[in-house]
Amino acid sequence: MKKNMGLADRIIRFSLAVIIAVLYFTNQISGTAAIILGIVAVAFIATSFMGFCPAYLPIKLSTTKKSAKS
């Protein structure tokens, strides 16, 4: 599995997951919204740690920096 997420992408996903967690634990979201956003947060954390997003594969997207070859 080749990494297809750059550092900025990973930081943004992790930050959004933290924001969702804070909203949940401060009772700002609940019910179905909390469940759906919780699943999204778990997916964001997993993909940010792995550096790989399966949703990028079909559109051949990569946010990693291309290394310059001499």
N, C-alpha and C. Protein backbone atom coordinates (compact mmCIF):
# COMPACT_ATOMS: atom_id res chain seq x y z
N MET A 1 0.84 -1.16 0.00
CA MET A 1 0.00 0.00 0.00
C MET A 1 0.90 1.24 0.00
N LYS A 2 0.87 1.97 -1.08
CA LYS A 2 1.70 3.15 -1.24
C LYS A 2 1.00 4.36 -0.62
N LYS A 3 1.76 5.16 0.12
CA LYS A 3 1.18 6.34 0.76
C LYS A 3 0.71 7.32 -0.31
N ASN A 4 -0.48 7.88 -0.09
CA ASN A 4 -1.01 8.86 -1.03
C ASN A 4 -1.52 10.12 -0.33
N MET A 5 -1.12 10.30 0.92
CA MET A 5 -1.52 11.48 1.68
C MET A 5 -0.29 12.22 2.17
N GLY A 6 -0.27 13.51 1.91
CA GLY A 6 0.82 14.35 2.37
C GLY A 6 0.63 14.77 3.82
N LEU A 7 1.63 15.43 4.37
CA LEU A 7 1.61 15.84 5.77
C LEU A 7 0.44 16.77 6.07
N ALA A 8 0.21 17.77 5.23
CA ALA A 8 -0.88 18.72 5.48
C ALA A 8 -2.23 18.01 5.50
N ASP A 9 -2.44 17.09 4.57
CA ASP A 9 -3.68 16.32 4.50
C ASP A 9 -3.88 15.51 5.78
N ARG A 10 -2.82 14.90 6.26
CA ARG A 10 -2.89 14.08 7.46
C ARG A 10 -3.18 14.93 8.70
N ILE A 11 -2.57 16.10 8.78
CA ILE A 11 -2.79 16.99 9.93
C ILE A 11 -4.22 17.50 9.93
N ILE A 12 -4.75 17.86 8.77
CA ILE A 12 -6.12 18.36 8.68
C ILE A 12 -7.11 17.28 9.10
N ARG A 13 -6.92 16.06 8.62
CA ARG A 13 -7.81 14.96 8.98
C ARG A 13 -7.78 14.69 10.48
N PHE A 14 -6.58 14.66 11.05
CA PHE A 14 -6.47 14.40 12.48
C PHE A 14 -7.12 15.53 13.29
N SER A 15 -6.92 16.76 12.86
CA SER A 15 -7.51 17.91 13.55
C SER A 15 -9.03 17.86 13.51
N LEU A 16 -9.59 17.50 12.36
CA LEU A 16 -11.04 17.38 12.24
C LEU A 16 -11.57 16.28 13.16
N ALA A 17 -10.85 15.19 13.27
CA ALA A 17 -11.25 14.10 14.17
C ALA A 17 -11.26 14.56 15.62
N VAL A 18 -10.26 15.35 16.00
CA VAL A 18 -10.19 15.88 17.36
C VAL A 18 -11.37 16.83 17.61
N ILE A 19 -11.68 17.67 16.64
CA ILE A 19 -12.80 18.60 16.78
C ILE A 19 -14.11 17.82 16.95
N ILE A 20 -14.30 16.77 16.18
CA ILE A 20 -15.50 15.95 16.31
C ILE A 20 -15.57 15.32 17.70
N ALA A 21 -14.44 14.83 18.21
CA ALA A 21 -14.40 14.23 19.54
C ALA A 21 -14.77 15.26 20.61
N VAL A 22 -14.23 16.45 20.49
CA VAL A 22 -14.54 17.52 21.46
C VAL A 22 -16.02 17.86 21.42
N LEU A 23 -16.59 17.96 20.22
CA LEU A 23 -18.02 18.24 20.10
C LEU A 23 -18.86 17.14 20.75
N TYR A 24 -18.45 15.91 20.59
CA TYR A 24 -19.18 14.79 21.19
C TYR A 24 -19.08 14.82 22.71
N PHE A 25 -17.89 14.97 23.24
CA PHE A 25 -17.70 14.90 24.69
C PHE A 25 -18.22 16.14 25.41
N THR A 26 -18.48 17.23 24.70
CA THR A 26 -19.11 18.41 25.30
C THR A 26 -20.61 18.43 25.02
N ASN A 27 -21.13 17.32 24.52
CA ASN A 27 -22.56 17.14 24.23
C ASN A 27 -23.11 18.15 23.23
N GLN A 28 -22.29 18.58 22.31
CA GLN A 28 -22.74 19.47 21.25
C GLN A 28 -23.38 18.70 20.11
N ILE A 29 -22.99 17.45 19.95
CA ILE A 29 -23.61 16.57 18.96
C ILE A 29 -24.07 15.30 19.67
N SER A 30 -25.16 14.74 19.20
CA SER A 30 -25.67 13.51 19.81
C SER A 30 -26.53 12.77 18.79
N GLY A 31 -26.96 11.58 19.18
CA GLY A 31 -27.83 10.80 18.31
C GLY A 31 -27.16 10.33 17.05
N THR A 32 -27.93 10.34 15.96
CA THR A 32 -27.45 9.85 14.68
C THR A 32 -26.25 10.65 14.17
N ALA A 33 -26.30 11.96 14.37
CA ALA A 33 -25.18 12.81 13.92
C ALA A 33 -23.89 12.40 14.63
N ALA A 34 -23.98 12.11 15.92
CA ALA A 34 -22.80 11.71 16.68
C ALA A 34 -22.24 10.38 16.17
N ILE A 35 -23.14 9.46 15.85
CA ILE A 35 -22.70 8.15 15.36
C ILE A 35 -21.99 8.30 14.01
N ILE A 36 -22.62 9.03 13.10
CA ILE A 36 -22.03 9.21 11.76
C ILE A 36 -20.71 9.96 11.85
N LEU A 37 -20.68 11.05 12.60
CA LEU A 37 -19.44 11.82 12.73
C LEU A 37 -18.37 11.02 13.48
N GLY A 38 -18.78 10.16 14.40
CA GLY A 38 -17.82 9.31 15.10
C GLY A 38 -17.15 8.33 14.16
N ILE A 39 -17.93 7.76 13.25
CA ILE A 39 -17.37 6.85 12.25
C ILE A 39 -16.41 7.59 11.33
N VAL A 40 -16.80 8.80 10.93
CA VAL A 40 -15.93 9.63 10.09
C VAL A 40 -14.63 9.96 10.83
N ALA A 41 -14.74 10.29 12.11
CA ALA A 41 -13.56 10.62 12.90
C ALA A 41 -12.61 9.44 13.01
N VAL A 42 -13.16 8.25 13.23
CA VAL A 42 -12.31 7.05 13.33
C VAL A 42 -11.61 6.80 11.99
N ALA A 43 -12.34 6.97 10.89
CA ALA A 43 -11.73 6.80 9.56
C ALA A 43 -10.64 7.83 9.33
N PHE A 44 -10.89 9.08 9.73
CA PHE A 44 -9.87 10.13 9.57
C PHE A 44 -8.62 9.82 10.38
N ILE A 45 -8.79 9.35 11.59
CA ILE A 45 -7.62 9.02 12.41
C ILE A 45 -6.84 7.86 11.79
N ALA A 46 -7.56 6.83 11.36
CA ALA A 46 -6.89 5.66 10.77
C ALA A 46 -6.12 6.05 9.52
N THR A 47 -6.76 6.80 8.62
CA THR A 47 -6.08 7.17 7.38
C THR A 47 -4.94 8.14 7.63
N SER A 48 -5.07 9.02 8.63
CA SER A 48 -3.98 9.95 8.90
C SER A 48 -2.76 9.23 9.45
N PHE A 49 -2.96 8.18 10.24
CA PHE A 49 -1.81 7.42 10.75
C PHE A 49 -1.19 6.53 9.69
N MET A 50 -2.02 5.97 8.81
CA MET A 50 -1.50 5.09 7.76
C MET A 50 -0.90 5.89 6.60
N GLY A 51 -1.38 7.11 6.38
CA GLY A 51 -0.90 7.90 5.25
C GLY A 51 -1.48 7.44 3.93
N PHE A 52 -2.56 6.66 4.02
CA PHE A 52 -3.17 6.10 2.82
C PHE A 52 -4.68 6.27 2.89
N CYS A 53 -5.27 6.80 1.83
CA CYS A 53 -6.72 6.97 1.76
C CYS A 53 -7.26 6.17 0.57
N PRO A 54 -8.07 5.14 0.84
CA PRO A 54 -8.60 4.33 -0.25
C PRO A 54 -9.52 5.12 -1.19
N ALA A 55 -10.13 6.17 -0.70
CA ALA A 55 -11.03 6.98 -1.54
C ALA A 55 -10.25 7.73 -2.63
N TYR A 56 -8.96 7.90 -2.44
CA TYR A 56 -8.14 8.58 -3.45
C TYR A 56 -7.79 7.67 -4.63
N LEU A 57 -7.88 6.35 -4.45
CA LEU A 57 -7.47 5.42 -5.50
C LEU A 57 -8.26 5.55 -6.80
N PRO A 58 -9.60 5.55 -6.78
CA PRO A 58 -10.34 5.59 -8.04
C PRO A 58 -10.07 6.85 -8.88
N ILE A 59 -9.77 7.95 -8.21
CA ILE A 59 -9.51 9.19 -8.96
C ILE A 59 -8.01 9.47 -9.11
N LYS A 60 -7.20 8.51 -8.64
CA LYS A 60 -5.73 8.61 -8.75
C LYS A 60 -5.19 9.91 -8.18
N LEU A 61 -5.69 10.27 -7.00
CA LEU A 61 -5.27 11.49 -6.32
C LEU A 61 -4.18 11.16 -5.32
N SER A 62 -3.20 12.03 -5.22
CA SER A 62 -2.16 11.90 -4.21
C SER A 62 -1.77 13.29 -3.75
N THR A 63 -1.71 13.48 -2.44
CA THR A 63 -1.32 14.79 -1.90
C THR A 63 0.12 14.77 -1.39
N THR A 64 0.85 13.69 -1.68
CA THR A 64 2.25 13.64 -1.29
C THR A 64 3.07 14.51 -2.23
N LYS A 65 4.18 14.98 -1.71
CA LYS A 65 5.09 15.78 -2.54
C LYS A 65 5.82 14.86 -3.50
N LYS A 66 5.95 15.30 -4.70
CA LYS A 66 6.72 14.54 -5.69
C LYS A 66 8.19 14.85 -5.48
N SER A 67 9.00 13.80 -5.40
CA SER A 67 10.43 14.01 -5.22
C SER A 67 11.05 14.42 -6.56
N ALA A 68 11.94 15.39 -6.49
CA ALA A 68 12.61 15.89 -7.71
C ALA A 68 13.74 14.93 -8.06
N LYS A 69 13.72 14.47 -9.29
CA LYS A 69 14.78 13.59 -9.75
C LYS A 69 15.74 14.38 -10.61
N SER A 70 17.03 14.18 -10.35
CA SER A 70 18.06 14.92 -11.09
C SER A 70 18.39 14.26 -12.39
